[in-house]
Amino acid sequence: MIIKDVVCPFCGCLCDDLDVEVEGQKVIKVQNGCALAEAKFTGSGRLPAPIRRTPTGWDDVSYDDAIRETAEILVAADRPLLYGWSSTHGDAQSMGVHIAELIGGVIDNTSTVCHGPSILAIQEVGHPGCTLGQVKNRADVIVYWGCNPTEAHPRHMSRYTTFATGFFVPEAQKDRTVIVVDTRRTESAEIADEFIRIERGGDYEVLSALRAIVRGKGNVVPKMVAGVSREQLFRVAEICKKAKFGAIFFGLGLTMSAGKYKNVRNAIELTDELNRHTKFTISPLRGHGNVYGSNEVFTWITGYPYAVDFSRGIAFYNPGETTAVDILRRGECDAALIVASDPGAHFPHAAAAHLAKIPTVLIDPHMTATTPLCRIQIPCTIAGIDAEGTAYRMDGVPIRYRKVITSSYPDDADILKKIHDRIREVQGS
């Protein structure tokens, strides 16, 4: 059976045009998707049952026992951490916030190590953004800054920018000018019409120089700015000013280099300057399939997008203090629940090492780099494959995941609901 118009849950593009071929309860082929999508849908090696660490290895346990022990770990903790939430759907994210509030814990999502600085900048100066559909149909100048969509978001260029035919850009690549700004020549840079190679940590300087040129103060710009010639800066500024509709997309090369959220603020203010001459927008290239959704759900319920601390009895937010990496690095956390993420593969050594010292529970369908750090792992469904739910695309558009197969695994939202109910029982007793 072939199921059409399936949403891919891998990255923030949430491509919704996949044809998935299913045989029995197994995906055997994916059409229209990238290699990452095919690996996501056809991957194997899922954990068959919950496991618990013992002095000699791992033992299988029942779901009821795993849920009961998880609830007891979280209730007994003084400063529990609930982390992840970016590769699941909105119902699970919502239940996670309710558990954190119930136990007075901290709940954080993967924005803390990717686009958290973007959110801080947007909170300061706003977000002149738009949907990907607007970019596809209108943008004739595209800027990719500190990102490599060819490898990280393989269909972004073909669906929305460089190679996408739009209503007002019918010739696609011929009608568009693509600019890539990076510290190295990537595959995306090879495709670009203009490649700006900057020195590491030079983003803020280059953005400031471009702002000065666009504002008409180009006489203050020196001959070289962070490895970029004055002539190239003027040429790029002129391309952007003459655009009918321009769009900037930025990635972790901007958010996680020196300057962090100040870089993003400067980029937003450059966009503001360009809007004095033409129409320009700016958007982050979000990574995980529903990381944007975790920010949305957290904000609906708590008022804050990530790093929310309930230890005071109310929601408190202070990135740098209540973010997961900082809590773990300082050794404050005495229990952790990890859902839909793999901090063992991405956190700094000190933070990951602390997870191994405390009782950590992982809810994930596969064994990952975080598994060796855990006391318990509970396998679940995969959102968008054998579980349905709502996710948010990188531009903030909600899209409904479809279920293409039926499995015997419980939805992570159901697992979390049982943990929540068990916590209430324990607290009531």
Protein backbone atom coordinates (compact mmCIF):
# COMPACT_ATOMS: atom_id res chain seq x y z
CA MET A 1 0.00 0.00 0.00
CA ILE A 2 1.25 3.49 -0.87
CA ILE A 3 0.25 6.35 1.45
CA LYS A 4 0.51 9.76 -0.18
CA ASP A 5 1.18 13.24 1.22
CA VAL A 6 2.91 11.96 4.34
CA VAL A 7 4.73 14.45 6.60
CA CYS A 8 8.41 13.73 7.28
CA PRO A 9 9.20 14.20 11.00
CA PHE A 10 12.98 14.40 10.63
CA CYS A 11 13.82 18.12 10.33
CA GLY A 12 12.12 21.48 10.67
CA CYS A 13 11.09 21.54 7.00
CA LEU A 14 8.37 18.96 7.77
CA CYS A 15 8.08 18.10 4.07
CA ASP A 16 4.47 17.05 3.54
CA ASP A 17 4.62 15.47 0.07
CA LEU A 18 6.18 12.08 0.76
CA ASP A 19 4.81 8.84 -0.73
CA VAL A 20 5.39 6.03 1.74
CA GLU A 21 5.09 2.39 0.68
CA VAL A 22 3.99 0.11 3.50
CA GLU A 23 4.00 -3.69 3.52
CA GLY A 24 2.22 -5.13 6.54
CA GLN A 25 3.43 -3.03 9.48
CA LYS A 26 6.73 -2.03 7.93
CA VAL A 27 7.79 0.89 5.75
CA ILE A 28 9.73 -0.48 2.79
CA LYS A 29 10.14 2.56 0.53
CA VAL A 30 9.93 6.35 0.64
CA GLN A 31 9.53 8.52 -2.45
CA ASN A 32 10.01 12.31 -2.74
CA GLY A 33 11.92 12.38 0.56
CA CYS A 34 15.63 12.98 1.06
CA ALA A 35 18.09 10.34 2.27
CA LEU A 36 17.51 11.45 5.86
CA ALA A 37 13.75 10.93 5.48
CA GLU A 38 14.21 7.46 4.05
CA ALA A 39 16.52 6.48 6.89
CA LYS A 40 13.99 7.82 9.41
CA PHE A 41 11.06 5.86 7.98
CA THR A 42 12.83 2.60 7.14
CA GLY A 43 15.17 2.46 10.13
CA SER A 44 15.22 -0.65 12.30
CA GLY A 45 16.70 -1.72 15.61
CA ARG A 46 13.98 -0.43 17.89
CA LEU A 47 14.21 -1.47 21.52
CA PRO A 48 11.68 -4.32 22.02
CA ALA A 49 10.80 -3.62 25.67
CA PRO A 50 11.70 -1.34 28.60
CA ILE A 51 15.09 -2.06 30.15
CA ARG A 52 16.60 -1.38 33.58
CA ARG A 53 20.28 -1.22 34.44
CA THR A 54 21.61 -3.82 36.90
CA PRO A 55 25.11 -4.32 38.34
CA THR A 56 25.76 -6.90 35.61
CA GLY A 57 24.03 -5.29 32.62
CA TRP A 58 20.45 -4.71 31.50
CA ASP A 59 17.24 -6.54 32.36
CA ASP A 60 13.89 -6.32 30.61
CA VAL A 61 11.08 -4.89 32.74
CA SER A 62 7.39 -4.33 32.16
CA TYR A 63 5.99 -0.95 31.15
CA ASP A 64 4.11 -0.75 34.46
CA ASP A 65 7.26 -1.34 36.49
CA ALA A 66 9.27 1.14 34.41
CA ILE A 67 6.58 3.81 34.74
CA ARG A 68 6.23 3.23 38.48
CA GLU A 69 9.97 3.47 39.09
CA THR A 70 10.24 6.59 36.91
CA ALA A 71 7.52 8.30 38.93
CA GLU A 72 9.23 7.37 42.19
CA ILE A 73 12.58 8.73 40.93
CA LEU A 74 11.03 12.05 39.95
CA VAL A 75 9.05 12.44 43.18
CA ALA A 76 12.10 11.71 45.33
CA ALA A 77 14.28 14.25 43.51
CA ASP A 78 14.89 17.75 44.89
CA ARG A 79 15.78 19.26 41.51
CA PRO A 80 14.61 17.02 38.66
CA LEU A 81 15.27 17.93 35.03
CA LEU A 82 12.97 17.07 32.13
CA TYR A 83 14.82 17.57 28.85
CA GLY A 84 14.31 17.02 25.12
CA TRP A 85 10.83 17.24 23.58
CA SER A 86 11.82 18.15 20.03
CA SER A 87 11.21 14.90 18.12
CA THR A 88 7.75 14.24 19.47
CA HIS A 89 4.32 15.85 19.09
CA GLY A 90 2.46 18.53 20.99
CA ASP A 91 0.45 16.24 23.28
CA ALA A 92 3.62 14.71 24.74
CA GLN A 93 5.22 18.14 25.14
CA SER A 94 2.15 19.42 26.97
CA MET A 95 2.16 16.45 29.34
CA GLY A 96 5.85 17.03 30.04
CA VAL A 97 5.14 20.60 31.19
CA HIS A 98 2.38 19.34 33.50
CA ILE A 99 4.75 16.78 35.06
CA ALA A 100 7.43 19.45 35.60
CA GLU A 101 4.91 21.70 37.32
CA LEU A 102 3.65 18.83 39.47
CA ILE A 103 7.11 17.92 40.81
CA GLY A 104 8.59 21.45 40.89
CA GLY A 105 11.20 20.55 38.33
CA VAL A 106 12.93 22.22 35.40
CA ILE A 107 11.79 21.51 31.85
CA ASP A 108 14.00 22.43 28.91
CA ASN A 109 14.03 21.57 25.21
CA THR A 110 16.77 21.28 22.62
CA SER A 111 16.51 24.99 21.77
CA THR A 112 18.87 25.45 24.71
CA VAL A 113 21.76 24.12 22.60
CA CYS A 114 20.69 25.39 19.17
CA HIS A 115 18.36 28.35 18.61
CA GLY A 116 17.93 29.51 22.19
CA PRO A 117 19.99 32.63 21.36
CA SER A 118 17.63 33.29 18.42
CA ILE A 119 14.70 33.37 20.80
CA LEU A 120 16.50 35.76 23.15
CA ALA A 121 17.22 38.11 20.25
CA ILE A 122 13.62 37.93 19.02
CA GLN A 123 12.39 38.75 22.52
CA GLU A 124 14.50 41.91 22.40
CA VAL A 125 13.87 43.26 18.90
CA GLY A 126 11.06 41.20 17.33
CA HIS A 127 10.94 38.86 14.36
CA PRO A 128 10.34 40.19 10.83
CA GLY A 129 9.60 36.73 9.46
CA CYS A 130 7.18 35.04 7.09
CA THR A 131 6.08 31.59 5.99
CA LEU A 132 8.16 29.39 3.73
CA GLY A 133 5.37 29.65 1.17
CA GLN A 134 5.93 33.41 0.95
CA VAL A 135 9.65 32.83 0.40
CA LYS A 136 8.99 30.27 -2.31
CA ASN A 137 6.54 32.45 -4.22
CA ARG A 138 8.17 35.87 -3.80
CA ALA A 139 11.84 35.85 -2.82
CA ASP A 140 14.39 36.68 -5.53
CA VAL A 141 17.33 37.07 -3.11
CA ILE A 142 18.13 34.33 -0.56
CA VAL A 143 20.82 34.60 2.11
CA TYR A 144 21.99 31.54 4.06
CA TRP A 145 24.09 32.67 7.02
CA GLY A 146 25.99 30.21 9.21
CA CYS A 147 24.11 27.18 7.91
CA ASN A 148 24.48 24.44 5.33
CA PRO A 149 20.98 23.42 4.18
CA THR A 150 22.31 21.06 1.52
CA GLU A 151 23.35 18.66 4.29
CA ALA A 152 21.19 19.66 7.27
CA HIS A 153 17.89 20.40 5.46
CA PRO A 154 18.38 18.66 2.11
CA ARG A 155 15.05 19.70 0.55
CA HIS A 156 14.95 23.30 1.78
CA MET A 157 16.51 24.65 -1.40
CA SER A 158 14.42 22.51 -3.73
CA ARG A 159 11.10 23.17 -2.00
CA TYR A 160 11.37 26.79 -0.90
CA THR A 161 14.36 28.69 -2.28
CA THR A 162 17.06 28.08 -4.90
CA PHE A 163 15.39 25.49 -7.12
CA ALA A 164 11.73 26.10 -6.23
CA THR A 165 9.44 27.60 -8.85
CA GLY A 166 7.32 30.34 -7.28
CA PHE A 167 4.35 32.40 -8.41
CA PHE A 168 6.49 35.54 -8.87
CA VAL A 169 9.75 33.69 -9.62
CA PRO A 170 8.75 31.28 -12.40
CA GLU A 171 12.31 30.60 -13.57
CA ALA A 172 13.45 29.42 -10.11
CA GLN A 173 17.26 29.35 -10.10
CA LYS A 174 17.53 31.86 -12.98
CA ASP A 175 15.34 34.42 -11.19
CA ARG A 176 17.01 34.06 -7.81
CA THR A 177 20.31 35.23 -6.37
CA VAL A 178 21.64 33.04 -3.57
CA ILE A 179 24.22 34.32 -1.08
CA VAL A 180 25.95 32.01 1.41
CA VAL A 181 27.91 33.35 4.38
CA ASP A 182 30.08 30.83 6.24
CA THR A 183 33.53 30.21 7.67
CA ARG A 184 34.21 27.41 5.17
CA ARG A 185 33.20 26.49 1.65
CA THR A 186 30.32 24.03 2.06
CA GLU A 187 28.18 22.23 -0.50
CA SER A 188 25.66 25.05 -0.17
CA ALA A 189 28.41 27.57 -0.93
CA GLU A 190 29.21 25.72 -4.15
CA ILE A 191 25.64 26.36 -5.33
CA ALA A 192 25.59 30.03 -4.32
CA ASP A 193 25.93 32.99 -6.67
CA GLU A 194 27.93 34.84 -4.02
CA PHE A 195 29.97 33.22 -1.25
CA ILE A 196 31.19 35.34 1.66
CA ARG A 197 33.90 33.57 3.62
CA ILE A 198 34.30 35.16 7.04
CA GLU A 199 36.76 34.53 9.83
CA ARG A 200 35.57 32.49 12.78
CA GLY A 201 33.71 34.68 15.22
CA GLY A 202 33.50 37.51 12.70
CA ASP A 203 29.73 37.43 12.17
CA TYR A 204 28.96 40.47 14.33
CA GLU A 205 31.57 42.60 12.57
CA VAL A 206 30.36 41.68 9.08
CA LEU A 207 26.72 42.24 10.01
CA SER A 208 27.62 45.64 11.47
CA ALA A 209 29.51 46.59 8.31
CA LEU A 210 26.57 45.61 6.11
CA ARG A 211 24.23 47.63 8.32
CA ALA A 212 26.46 50.67 7.97
CA ILE A 213 26.57 50.33 4.19
CA VAL A 214 22.81 49.88 3.87
CA ARG A 215 22.27 52.90 6.13
CA GLY A 216 24.52 55.00 3.86
CA LYS A 217 27.51 55.11 6.21
CA GLY A 218 29.80 52.95 4.09
CA ASN A 219 32.66 55.43 4.45
CA VAL A 220 33.35 54.08 7.96
CA VAL A 221 33.87 50.51 6.74
CA PRO A 222 37.58 49.49 6.57
CA LYS A 223 39.20 47.66 3.65
CA MET A 224 38.79 44.26 5.34
CA VAL A 225 36.19 43.18 7.86
CA ALA A 226 36.68 39.73 9.45
CA GLY A 227 38.34 38.49 6.27
CA VAL A 228 35.79 40.02 3.88
CA SER A 229 36.81 42.79 1.49
CA ARG A 230 35.08 46.14 1.51
CA GLU A 231 34.25 45.70 -2.19
CA GLN A 232 32.42 42.42 -1.60
CA LEU A 233 30.45 43.90 1.28
CA PHE A 234 29.30 46.80 -0.89
CA ARG A 235 28.39 44.41 -3.72
CA VAL A 236 26.32 42.17 -1.43
CA ALA A 237 24.60 45.13 0.21
CA GLU A 238 23.60 46.43 -3.22
CA ILE A 239 22.21 43.03 -4.26
CA CYS A 240 20.06 42.96 -1.12
CA LYS A 241 18.85 46.57 -1.53
CA LYS A 242 17.78 45.89 -5.12
CA ALA A 243 15.84 42.73 -4.23
CA LYS A 244 12.10 42.68 -4.84
CA PHE A 245 11.75 40.35 -1.86
CA GLY A 246 14.65 39.02 0.19
CA ALA A 247 14.88 36.28 2.80
CA ILE A 248 17.67 35.54 5.28
CA PHE A 249 17.97 32.09 6.86
CA PHE A 250 20.49 31.54 9.63
CA GLY A 251 21.76 28.52 11.53
CA LEU A 252 23.97 27.50 14.42
CA GLY A 253 27.00 29.10 12.80
CA LEU A 254 25.42 32.38 13.88
CA THR A 255 23.69 31.39 17.13
CA MET A 256 26.52 29.36 18.65
CA SER A 257 29.55 31.39 17.61
CA ALA A 258 31.05 34.23 19.64
CA GLY A 259 28.36 36.81 20.28
CA LYS A 260 25.49 34.31 20.26
CA TYR A 261 22.18 36.16 20.63
CA LYS A 262 23.83 39.50 19.89
CA ASN A 263 24.75 38.11 16.46
CA VAL A 264 21.11 37.25 15.82
CA ARG A 265 19.97 40.64 17.09
CA ASN A 266 22.39 42.31 14.69
CA ALA A 267 21.07 40.18 11.81
CA ILE A 268 17.48 41.15 12.66
CA GLU A 269 18.49 44.80 12.76
CA LEU A 270 20.18 44.39 9.36
CA THR A 271 16.86 43.05 8.10
CA ASP A 272 15.19 46.12 9.54
CA GLU A 273 17.64 48.37 7.68
CA LEU A 274 16.98 46.53 4.42
CA ASN A 275 13.25 47.03 4.90
CA ARG A 276 13.87 50.76 4.49
CA HIS A 277 14.69 49.98 0.85
CA THR A 278 12.72 46.84 -0.04
CA LYS A 279 10.96 43.87 1.56
CA PHE A 280 13.21 41.56 3.59
CA THR A 281 12.53 38.80 6.14
CA ILE A 282 14.68 36.66 8.41
CA SER A 283 14.08 33.21 9.89
CA PRO A 284 16.06 30.59 11.82
CA LEU A 285 16.66 27.22 10.18
CA ARG A 286 15.25 25.05 12.96
CA GLY A 287 16.70 21.58 13.32
CA HIS A 288 14.53 18.84 14.83
CA GLY A 289 11.11 18.15 13.33
CA ASN A 290 9.09 19.73 16.13
CA VAL A 291 11.57 21.85 18.06
CA TYR A 292 9.55 24.93 17.11
CA GLY A 293 6.49 23.17 18.54
CA SER A 294 8.20 22.64 21.88
CA ASN A 295 8.76 26.40 22.12
CA GLU A 296 5.12 27.02 21.19
CA VAL A 297 3.69 24.53 23.69
CA PHE A 298 5.94 25.66 26.53
CA THR A 299 4.99 29.28 25.88
CA TRP A 300 1.24 28.57 25.77
CA ILE A 301 1.33 26.89 29.16
CA THR A 302 4.08 28.72 31.06
CA GLY A 303 4.71 31.97 29.21
CA TYR A 304 8.30 30.94 28.43
CA PRO A 305 9.72 29.06 25.42
CA TYR A 306 12.36 26.88 27.13
CA ALA A 307 14.40 26.51 30.36
CA VAL A 308 11.31 26.79 32.59
CA ASP A 309 11.89 26.27 36.32
CA PHE A 310 8.94 25.40 38.60
CA SER A 311 10.97 25.04 41.83
CA ARG A 312 9.51 28.29 43.19
CA GLY A 313 5.94 27.11 42.68
CA ILE A 314 5.55 29.36 39.65
CA ALA A 315 7.16 29.37 36.22
CA PHE A 316 10.59 31.04 36.26
CA TYR A 317 12.88 31.56 33.25
CA ASN A 318 16.51 32.63 33.21
CA PRO A 319 18.71 31.17 30.44
CA GLY A 320 22.19 30.53 31.77
CA GLU A 321 20.74 29.56 35.14
CA THR A 322 17.72 27.38 34.31
CA THR A 323 19.04 25.83 31.09
CA ALA A 324 19.77 22.10 31.09
CA VAL A 325 23.50 22.24 30.34
CA ASP A 326 24.11 24.77 33.12
CA ILE A 327 22.07 22.84 35.70
CA LEU A 328 23.94 19.63 34.88
CA ARG A 329 27.34 21.30 34.70
CA ARG A 330 26.86 22.78 38.17
CA GLY A 331 25.76 19.39 39.52
CA GLU A 332 22.41 20.73 40.76
CA CYS A 333 20.23 18.12 39.08
CA ASP A 334 19.58 14.93 41.06
CA ALA A 335 17.28 13.11 38.59
CA ALA A 336 16.52 13.45 34.89
CA LEU A 337 13.83 12.41 32.42
CA ILE A 338 15.00 12.60 28.80
CA VAL A 339 12.34 12.50 26.07
CA ALA A 340 12.79 12.56 22.28
CA SER A 341 16.42 13.73 22.27
CA ASP A 342 19.96 12.45 22.67
CA PRO A 343 21.96 14.66 25.08
CA GLY A 344 24.59 11.96 25.43
CA ALA A 345 25.61 12.69 21.83
CA HIS A 346 25.38 16.47 21.97
CA PHE A 347 25.96 17.81 25.49
CA PRO A 348 29.38 18.91 26.77
CA HIS A 349 31.28 16.19 28.60
CA ALA A 350 30.69 17.61 32.07
CA ALA A 351 26.92 17.79 31.54
CA ALA A 352 26.66 14.30 30.04
CA ALA A 353 28.88 12.86 32.78
CA HIS A 354 26.53 14.19 35.45
CA LEU A 355 23.60 12.40 33.79
CA ALA A 356 25.48 9.15 34.37
CA LYS A 357 25.84 9.92 38.10
CA ILE A 358 22.13 10.47 38.78
CA PRO A 359 19.04 8.33 38.14
CA THR A 360 18.22 9.12 34.51
CA VAL A 361 15.25 7.79 32.55
CA LEU A 362 15.15 7.87 28.75
CA ILE A 363 11.94 7.62 26.71
CA ASP A 364 13.08 6.79 23.17
CA PRO A 365 12.36 4.04 20.63
CA HIS A 366 16.05 3.31 19.94
CA MET A 367 19.20 2.77 21.94
CA THR A 368 21.23 5.96 21.60
CA ALA A 369 24.37 7.56 23.00
CA THR A 370 22.25 8.52 26.03
CA THR A 371 21.28 4.90 26.81
CA PRO A 372 24.58 4.05 28.60
CA LEU A 373 24.00 7.03 30.91
CA CYS A 374 20.54 5.85 31.99
CA ARG A 375 19.04 3.70 34.71
CA ILE A 376 15.85 3.00 32.73
CA GLN A 377 14.89 3.28 29.06
CA ILE A 378 11.28 3.07 27.90
CA PRO A 379 10.67 2.53 24.16
CA CYS A 380 7.73 4.30 22.51
CA THR A 381 6.22 5.13 19.15
CA ILE A 382 7.85 7.50 16.67
CA ALA A 383 5.84 10.65 15.99
CA GLY A 384 4.92 10.78 12.33
CA ILE A 385 5.48 7.06 11.72
CA ASP A 386 3.41 5.02 14.20
CA ALA A 387 1.95 7.93 16.16
CA GLU A 388 -0.06 10.93 15.05
CA GLY A 389 -0.02 14.42 16.50
CA THR A 390 0.65 18.08 15.74
CA ALA A 391 4.06 19.55 14.93
CA TYR A 392 5.21 23.04 13.99
CA ARG A 393 7.28 23.70 10.90
CA MET A 394 10.31 25.98 11.20
CA ASP A 395 8.18 28.96 10.09
CA GLY A 396 5.55 28.38 12.79
CA VAL A 397 2.94 26.67 10.61
CA PRO A 398 1.23 23.76 12.45
CA ILE A 399 1.14 20.50 10.50
CA ARG A 400 -0.53 17.27 11.52
CA TYR A 401 1.60 14.13 11.65
CA ARG A 402 -0.04 11.07 10.16
CA LYS A 403 0.37 7.49 11.35
CA VAL A 404 1.53 5.28 8.47
CA ILE A 405 1.88 2.01 10.41
CA THR A 406 0.42 0.55 13.59
CA SER A 407 2.80 -0.86 16.18
CA SER A 408 2.53 -2.42 19.61
CA TYR A 409 4.50 0.41 21.22
CA PRO A 410 2.67 2.95 23.41
CA ASP A 411 2.64 6.61 22.43
CA ASP A 412 5.08 8.65 24.53
CA ALA A 413 2.18 10.95 25.44
CA ASP A 414 0.38 7.95 26.97
CA ILE A 415 3.54 6.91 28.85
CA LEU A 416 3.92 10.42 30.22
CA LYS A 417 0.25 10.56 31.21
CA LYS A 418 0.70 7.36 33.23
CA ILE A 419 3.85 8.78 34.87
CA HIS A 420 1.88 11.95 35.70
CA ASP A 421 -0.98 9.99 37.23
CA ARG A 422 1.40 7.77 39.20
CA ILE A 423 3.19 10.86 40.59
CA ARG A 424 -0.12 12.23 41.79
CA GLU A 425 -0.86 8.90 43.52
CA VAL A 426 2.55 8.90 45.22
CA GLN A 427 2.20 12.53 46.30
CA GLY A 428 -1.32 11.87 47.56
CA SER A 429 -0.18 8.97 49.68
